N, C-alpha and C. Protein backbone atom coordinates (compact mmCIF):
# COMPACT_ATOMS: atom_id res chain seq x y z
N MET A 1 -27.55 -59.64 21.30
CA MET A 1 -28.05 -58.63 20.78
C MET A 1 -27.74 -58.65 18.85
N ASP A 2 -28.26 -58.95 18.01
CA ASP A 2 -27.74 -59.06 17.03
C ASP A 2 -26.94 -58.34 15.83
N SER A 3 -25.85 -58.67 15.97
CA SER A 3 -25.03 -57.57 15.26
C SER A 3 -25.75 -57.10 14.02
N LYS A 4 -26.56 -57.68 13.24
CA LYS A 4 -26.95 -57.33 12.20
C LYS A 4 -28.08 -56.04 12.32
N CYS A 5 -28.52 -56.27 13.20
CA CYS A 5 -29.51 -55.48 13.94
C CYS A 5 -29.46 -53.64 14.31
N MET A 6 -28.90 -52.95 13.67
CA MET A 6 -28.69 -51.62 13.66
C MET A 6 -29.35 -50.12 13.54
N LEU A 7 -29.50 -49.40 14.05
CA LEU A 7 -30.57 -48.11 13.81
C LEU A 7 -29.70 -47.92 12.40
N ARG A 8 -30.11 -47.43 11.21
CA ARG A 8 -29.62 -46.89 9.99
C ARG A 8 -30.70 -45.91 9.17
N GLY A 9 -30.04 -44.93 9.60
CA GLY A 9 -30.89 -43.38 8.76
C GLY A 9 -31.13 -43.76 7.02
N PRO A 10 -31.80 -43.00 6.47
CA PRO A 10 -31.89 -43.30 4.79
C PRO A 10 -30.70 -43.07 4.23
N ASN A 11 -30.31 -41.69 4.80
CA ASN A 11 -28.81 -41.30 4.10
C ASN A 11 -28.00 -41.59 4.53
N ASP A 12 -27.41 -42.59 5.65
CA ASP A 12 -26.13 -42.90 6.63
C ASP A 12 -25.75 -43.97 5.43
N PRO A 13 -24.45 -43.91 5.19
CA PRO A 13 -23.53 -44.44 4.31
C PRO A 13 -23.83 -46.12 4.42
N GLN A 14 -23.77 -47.60 4.22
CA GLN A 14 -23.73 -48.12 4.28
C GLN A 14 -22.41 -48.83 4.09
N ILE A 15 -22.18 -49.49 6.01
CA ILE A 15 -21.03 -49.92 5.89
C ILE A 15 -21.01 -51.44 6.08
N SER A 16 -19.88 -52.43 6.27
CA SER A 16 -20.21 -53.54 6.46
C SER A 16 -19.99 -53.60 8.19
N GLU A 17 -20.23 -55.24 8.18
CA GLU A 17 -19.68 -55.88 9.45
C GLU A 17 -18.69 -55.52 9.76
N ALA A 18 -17.86 -55.95 8.98
CA ALA A 18 -16.42 -56.19 9.62
C ALA A 18 -16.02 -54.41 9.33
N GLU A 19 -16.13 -53.23 8.92
CA GLU A 19 -16.09 -52.40 9.01
C GLU A 19 -16.63 -51.96 10.70
N ALA A 20 -17.18 -52.09 10.79
CA ALA A 20 -18.00 -51.47 12.04
C ALA A 20 -17.61 -52.43 13.28
N GLN A 21 -16.99 -53.63 13.16
CA GLN A 21 -16.02 -54.24 13.80
C GLN A 21 -14.70 -53.43 14.24
N GLU A 22 -14.08 -53.22 13.06
CA GLU A 22 -13.23 -52.29 13.07
C GLU A 22 -12.99 -51.21 13.92
N TRP A 23 -14.42 -50.50 13.35
CA TRP A 23 -14.37 -48.76 13.70
C TRP A 23 -14.60 -49.12 15.62
N ALA A 24 -15.41 -50.39 16.23
CA ALA A 24 -15.22 -50.11 17.71
C ALA A 24 -13.92 -50.89 18.16
N ALA A 25 -13.42 -51.47 17.58
CA ALA A 25 -12.19 -52.56 17.78
C ALA A 25 -11.00 -51.03 18.19
N GLY A 26 -10.88 -50.12 17.87
CA GLY A 26 -10.18 -49.28 18.14
C GLY A 26 -9.95 -47.82 16.93
N GLY A 27 -11.01 -47.85 15.76
CA GLY A 27 -10.91 -46.65 14.56
C GLY A 27 -11.53 -45.82 15.26
N ALA A 28 -12.50 -46.22 16.28
CA ALA A 28 -13.08 -44.50 16.78
C ALA A 28 -11.99 -44.09 17.78
N GLU A 29 -11.25 -44.68 18.33
CA GLU A 29 -9.52 -43.69 18.93
C GLU A 29 -9.49 -43.12 18.16
N SER A 30 -8.91 -43.68 17.13
CA SER A 30 -7.56 -42.70 16.24
C SER A 30 -8.90 -41.51 15.26
N GLU A 31 -10.16 -42.70 15.42
CA GLU A 31 -10.91 -40.95 14.42
C GLU A 31 -11.02 -39.61 15.88
N LEU A 32 -10.69 -40.10 16.92
CA LEU A 32 -11.58 -39.07 17.89
C LEU A 32 -10.07 -37.95 18.04
N GLN A 33 -8.64 -38.83 17.76
CA GLN A 33 -8.09 -38.32 18.04
C GLN A 33 -7.74 -36.80 17.36
N ARG A 34 -8.05 -36.76 15.92
CA ARG A 34 -8.71 -35.38 14.78
C ARG A 34 -8.98 -34.77 15.85
N TYR A 35 -9.95 -34.66 17.01
CA TYR A 35 -10.99 -33.31 17.39
C TYR A 35 -10.01 -33.48 18.39
N GLU A 36 -10.27 -31.73 18.91
CA GLU A 36 -9.80 -31.26 19.84
C GLU A 36 -10.30 -31.24 21.23
N VAL A 37 -9.10 -31.94 22.01
CA VAL A 37 -9.99 -31.72 23.46
C VAL A 37 -10.73 -30.65 24.37
N LEU A 38 -11.54 -29.96 24.44
CA LEU A 38 -11.54 -28.94 25.31
C LEU A 38 -12.46 -29.12 26.68
N THR A 39 -12.10 -27.94 27.31
CA THR A 39 -12.11 -27.82 28.51
C THR A 39 -13.58 -27.38 29.09
N ASP A 40 -14.26 -27.23 30.12
CA ASP A 40 -15.15 -26.50 30.27
C ASP A 40 -15.70 -25.12 30.06
N GLU A 41 -14.05 -24.77 30.32
CA GLU A 41 -13.64 -23.34 30.04
C GLU A 41 -14.13 -22.95 28.95
N GLU A 42 -13.20 -23.59 28.14
CA GLU A 42 -13.14 -23.59 26.33
C GLU A 42 -14.51 -23.40 26.18
N ILE A 43 -15.03 -24.30 26.31
CA ILE A 43 -16.28 -24.72 25.53
C ILE A 43 -17.38 -23.44 26.21
N VAL A 44 -17.36 -22.72 27.05
CA VAL A 44 -17.82 -21.70 27.75
C VAL A 44 -17.75 -20.42 26.97
N ARG A 45 -16.34 -20.12 26.65
CA ARG A 45 -15.57 -18.97 26.24
C ARG A 45 -16.13 -18.86 24.64
N ALA A 46 -16.04 -20.38 24.22
CA ALA A 46 -16.36 -20.41 22.55
C ALA A 46 -17.72 -20.24 22.47
N ALA A 47 -18.60 -20.61 23.25
CA ALA A 47 -19.97 -20.62 23.68
C ALA A 47 -20.58 -19.05 23.54
N MET A 48 -19.76 -18.17 24.33
CA MET A 48 -20.32 -16.62 24.83
C MET A 48 -19.17 -15.81 23.32
N CYS A 49 -18.28 -16.47 22.67
CA CYS A 49 -17.89 -15.30 21.45
C CYS A 49 -18.87 -15.53 20.65
N GLU A 50 -19.25 -16.63 20.44
CA GLU A 50 -20.76 -17.25 18.81
C GLU A 50 -21.91 -15.93 19.35
N ASP A 51 -21.93 -16.16 20.39
CA ASP A 51 -23.39 -15.02 20.89
C ASP A 51 -23.01 -14.10 20.86
N ASP A 52 -21.40 -13.76 20.80
CA ASP A 52 -21.17 -11.54 20.67
C ASP A 52 -21.26 -11.78 19.32
N GLU A 53 -21.00 -12.57 18.20
CA GLU A 53 -21.28 -12.52 17.03
C GLU A 53 -22.74 -12.31 16.59
N GLU A 54 -23.81 -13.12 16.71
CA GLU A 54 -24.83 -13.28 16.76
C GLU A 54 -25.14 -11.91 17.17
N ASP A 55 -24.96 -11.29 18.10
CA ASP A 55 -25.65 -10.16 19.08
C ASP A 55 -24.97 -9.09 17.89
N GLU A 56 -23.94 -9.06 17.03
CA GLU A 56 -23.70 -8.18 16.28
C GLU A 56 -24.31 -8.17 15.07
N ASP A 57 -24.15 -9.34 14.33
CA ASP A 57 -25.07 -9.71 13.30
C ASP A 57 -26.27 -9.21 13.64
N ASN A 58 -27.24 -9.52 14.44
CA ASN A 58 -28.90 -8.99 14.37
C ASN A 58 -28.70 -7.25 14.96
N SER A 59 -28.06 -7.16 15.20
CA SER A 59 -27.94 -5.76 15.05
C SER A 59 -27.83 -5.02 13.99
N VAL A 60 -27.72 -5.19 13.18
CA VAL A 60 -27.29 -4.72 11.76
C VAL A 60 -28.64 -5.52 11.23
N GLU A 61 -29.04 -5.90 11.19
CA GLU A 61 -30.32 -6.59 11.03
C GLU A 61 -31.83 -5.96 11.69
N ILE A 62 -31.63 -4.99 12.38
CA ILE A 62 -33.02 -3.76 12.61
C ILE A 62 -33.94 -3.45 11.39
N LEU A 63 -35.28 -3.40 11.45
CA LEU A 63 -35.67 -3.26 10.11
C LEU A 63 -36.52 -2.48 10.78
N LYS A 64 -37.34 -1.29 10.05
CA LYS A 64 -38.38 -0.47 10.63
C LYS A 64 -39.70 -1.10 9.76
N ILE A 65 -40.53 -1.03 10.80
CA ILE A 65 -41.78 -1.59 10.19
C ILE A 65 -42.82 -0.60 10.80
N THR A 66 -43.12 -0.37 9.20
CA THR A 66 -44.56 -0.23 8.52
C THR A 66 -45.67 -0.12 9.00
N LYS A 67 -46.85 0.71 9.35
CA LYS A 67 -47.80 0.71 9.55
C LYS A 67 -48.47 -0.02 8.38
N VAL A 68 -49.94 -0.91 8.43
CA VAL A 68 -50.30 -0.87 7.31
C VAL A 68 -51.66 0.13 7.16
N GLY A 69 -52.25 0.82 5.98
CA GLY A 69 -52.90 1.30 6.18
C GLY A 69 -54.04 1.13 6.06
N ASN A 70 -55.62 1.78 5.95
CA ASN A 70 -57.06 0.75 6.09
C ASN A 70 -56.91 0.74 4.61
N SER A 71 -56.71 1.58 3.59
CA SER A 71 -56.85 1.62 2.47
C SER A 71 -56.18 0.32 1.41
N GLU A 72 -54.68 0.11 2.22
CA GLU A 72 -53.95 -0.99 1.84
C GLU A 72 -54.77 -1.99 2.61
N ALA A 73 -55.20 -2.36 3.47
CA ALA A 73 -55.99 -3.63 3.64
C ALA A 73 -57.22 -3.62 2.83
N VAL A 74 -57.46 -2.73 2.81
CA VAL A 74 -58.80 -3.22 1.74
C VAL A 74 -58.11 -4.07 0.28
N GLY A 75 -57.49 -3.30 -0.05
CA GLY A 75 -56.93 -3.81 -1.21
C GLY A 75 -56.47 -5.25 -1.41
N ALA A 76 -55.85 -5.57 -0.52
CA ALA A 76 -55.08 -6.94 -0.08
C ALA A 76 -56.18 -7.56 0.17
N LEU A 77 -57.07 -6.94 1.30
CA LEU A 77 -58.49 -8.41 1.47
C LEU A 77 -59.60 -8.43 -0.09
N ASN A 78 -59.33 -7.48 -0.86
CA ASN A 78 -60.10 -7.64 -1.90
C ASN A 78 -59.44 -8.97 -2.77
N THR A 79 -58.09 -8.96 -2.99
CA THR A 79 -57.56 -9.78 -3.57
C THR A 79 -58.01 -11.12 -2.84
N VAL A 80 -57.13 -11.35 -1.65
CA VAL A 80 -57.40 -12.41 -0.63
C VAL A 80 -59.00 -13.36 -1.23
N LEU A 81 -60.21 -12.39 -0.97
CA LEU A 81 -61.29 -12.63 -1.21
C LEU A 81 -61.37 -12.95 -2.67
N LYS A 82 -61.27 -12.50 -3.38
CA LYS A 82 -61.00 -13.16 -5.18
C LYS A 82 -60.08 -14.36 -5.43
N TRP A 83 -59.49 -14.71 -4.54
CA TRP A 83 -58.51 -15.70 -4.78
C TRP A 83 -59.23 -17.01 -3.48
N ALA A 84 -59.35 -16.88 -2.92
CA ALA A 84 -60.46 -17.57 -1.69
C ALA A 84 -61.67 -17.77 -2.97
N GLU A 85 -61.91 -16.84 -3.46
CA GLU A 85 -63.62 -17.52 -4.46
C GLU A 85 -62.87 -18.06 -5.60
N ASP A 86 -62.08 -17.96 -5.93
CA ASP A 86 -61.50 -18.62 -7.25
C ASP A 86 -61.02 -20.06 -7.09
N ASN A 87 -60.62 -20.70 -5.69
CA ASN A 87 -60.41 -21.60 -5.15
C ASN A 87 -61.05 -22.41 -4.88
N GLU A 88 -62.51 -21.79 -4.66
CA GLU A 88 -63.66 -22.52 -3.88
C GLU A 88 -63.32 -22.76 -2.59
N PHE A 89 -63.11 -21.90 -1.99
CA PHE A 89 -62.77 -21.95 -0.35
C PHE A 89 -64.52 -22.20 0.05
N ASP A 90 -64.66 -22.97 1.27
CA ASP A 90 -65.94 -22.81 2.06
C ASP A 90 -66.24 -21.69 2.00
N SER A 91 -67.77 -21.49 2.53
CA SER A 91 -68.44 -20.37 2.26
C SER A 91 -68.05 -19.62 3.12
N HIS A 92 -68.21 -19.99 4.70
CA HIS A 92 -68.11 -19.84 5.99
C HIS A 92 -66.19 -19.03 5.99
N GLU A 93 -65.52 -19.83 5.31
CA GLU A 93 -64.34 -18.97 5.26
C GLU A 93 -64.71 -17.77 4.31
N VAL A 94 -65.19 -17.74 3.28
CA VAL A 94 -65.05 -16.63 2.03
C VAL A 94 -66.09 -15.27 2.91
N MET A 95 -66.93 -15.98 3.51
CA MET A 95 -67.79 -14.70 4.38
C MET A 95 -66.87 -14.02 5.53
N PHE A 96 -65.86 -14.82 6.01
CA PHE A 96 -65.37 -13.90 7.37
C PHE A 96 -64.30 -12.93 6.43
N LEU A 97 -63.66 -13.59 4.96
CA LEU A 97 -62.99 -12.76 4.49
C LEU A 97 -63.92 -11.35 4.01
N ARG A 98 -65.05 -11.56 3.83
CA ARG A 98 -65.87 -10.51 3.39
C ARG A 98 -65.84 -9.20 4.51
N ARG A 99 -66.64 -10.23 5.81
CA ARG A 99 -66.64 -9.19 6.71
C ARG A 99 -65.05 -8.54 7.48
N LEU A 100 -64.07 -9.19 7.44
CA LEU A 100 -62.96 -8.20 7.79
C LEU A 100 -62.56 -7.48 6.48
N ARG A 101 -62.88 -7.69 5.28
CA ARG A 101 -63.35 -6.69 4.59
C ARG A 101 -63.73 -5.58 4.64
N ASP A 102 -64.99 -5.78 5.49
CA ASP A 102 -66.01 -4.52 5.37
C ASP A 102 -65.49 -3.99 6.85
N ARG A 103 -64.80 -4.96 7.60
CA ARG A 103 -64.81 -3.86 8.73
C ARG A 103 -63.47 -2.93 8.43
N ALA A 104 -62.49 -3.26 7.30
CA ALA A 104 -61.19 -2.13 7.20
C ALA A 104 -61.86 -1.23 6.23
N PHE A 105 -63.25 -1.46 5.21
CA PHE A 105 -63.56 -0.24 4.96
C PHE A 105 -64.46 0.68 5.87
N GLU A 106 -64.97 0.26 6.60
CA GLU A 106 -65.72 0.89 7.53
C GLU A 106 -64.83 1.96 8.11
N MET A 107 -63.17 1.21 8.95
CA MET A 107 -62.69 1.57 9.20
C MET A 107 -62.10 2.94 8.63
N LYS A 108 -61.90 2.75 7.15
CA LYS A 108 -61.21 4.04 6.59
C LYS A 108 -62.14 5.02 6.02
N CYS A 109 -63.38 4.52 6.02
CA CYS A 109 -64.48 5.95 5.87
C CYS A 109 -64.61 6.58 7.03
N GLU A 110 -63.67 5.87 8.07
CA GLU A 110 -64.53 7.02 9.12
C GLU A 110 -63.32 8.13 9.62
N ASN A 111 -61.71 7.61 8.61
CA ASN A 111 -60.73 8.61 8.67
C ASN A 111 -61.31 9.84 7.81
N TYR A 112 -62.36 9.71 6.84
CA TYR A 112 -62.90 10.14 5.78
C TYR A 112 -64.39 11.23 6.28
N LYS A 113 -64.30 10.97 7.26
CA LYS A 113 -65.58 11.72 8.01
C LYS A 113 -65.35 13.47 7.72
N GLN A 114 -66.25 13.92 7.33
CA GLN A 114 -66.24 15.27 7.21
C GLN A 114 -66.18 16.20 8.45
N LYS A 115 -65.11 17.03 8.31
CA LYS A 115 -65.57 17.97 9.47
C LYS A 115 -65.70 19.26 9.68
N SER A 116 -66.66 19.60 11.30
CA SER A 116 -67.72 20.95 11.04
C SER A 116 -66.36 21.97 11.12
N ILE A 117 -67.18 23.11 10.60
CA ILE A 117 -66.50 24.22 10.40
C ILE A 117 -66.12 24.91 11.13
N THR A 118 -66.79 24.33 12.70
CA THR A 118 -66.13 24.19 14.04
C THR A 118 -65.28 24.04 14.31
N ASP A 119 -64.70 23.20 13.87
CA ASP A 119 -63.15 22.33 14.23
C ASP A 119 -62.29 22.56 13.69
N PHE A 120 -62.74 23.74 12.86
CA PHE A 120 -61.67 25.02 12.44
C PHE A 120 -61.12 25.95 13.19
N PHE A 121 -61.97 26.41 13.79
CA PHE A 121 -62.04 27.35 15.55
C PHE A 121 -61.55 27.06 16.77
N LYS A 122 -60.49 28.09 17.18
CA LYS A 122 -59.91 27.72 18.21
C LYS A 122 -60.89 28.13 19.27
N LYS A 123 -61.27 27.12 20.40
CA LYS A 123 -61.92 27.40 21.45
C LYS A 123 -61.03 28.08 22.24
N ASN A 124 -61.67 28.99 23.11
CA ASN A 124 -60.81 29.26 23.85
C ASN A 124 -61.38 29.55 25.46
């Protein structure tokens, strides 16, 4: 194997061949001495503690999801439709957005259906 042929990423530091040989000859051992060697049990215990900390963080980040109303959906779809038309989207994409907006409008209108007077009387 050619010693000059090394895989190197674009952000990796440039090292000379002499530095690489020095590291391979013993520099790596001195570098590894700076790190703590853990047993399998210690690794598992450390990982479990990290999981517990993440669980605590997640419990704080619980958000209440609100339902989007039909009126809001119609308004948002009108905005998206205008944006798509201004940016010259394909006609089939614009038509899809129009159908979606029309469906949201229909759902909005269903909620505004006038009630019959008999709806206000109790049935025996």
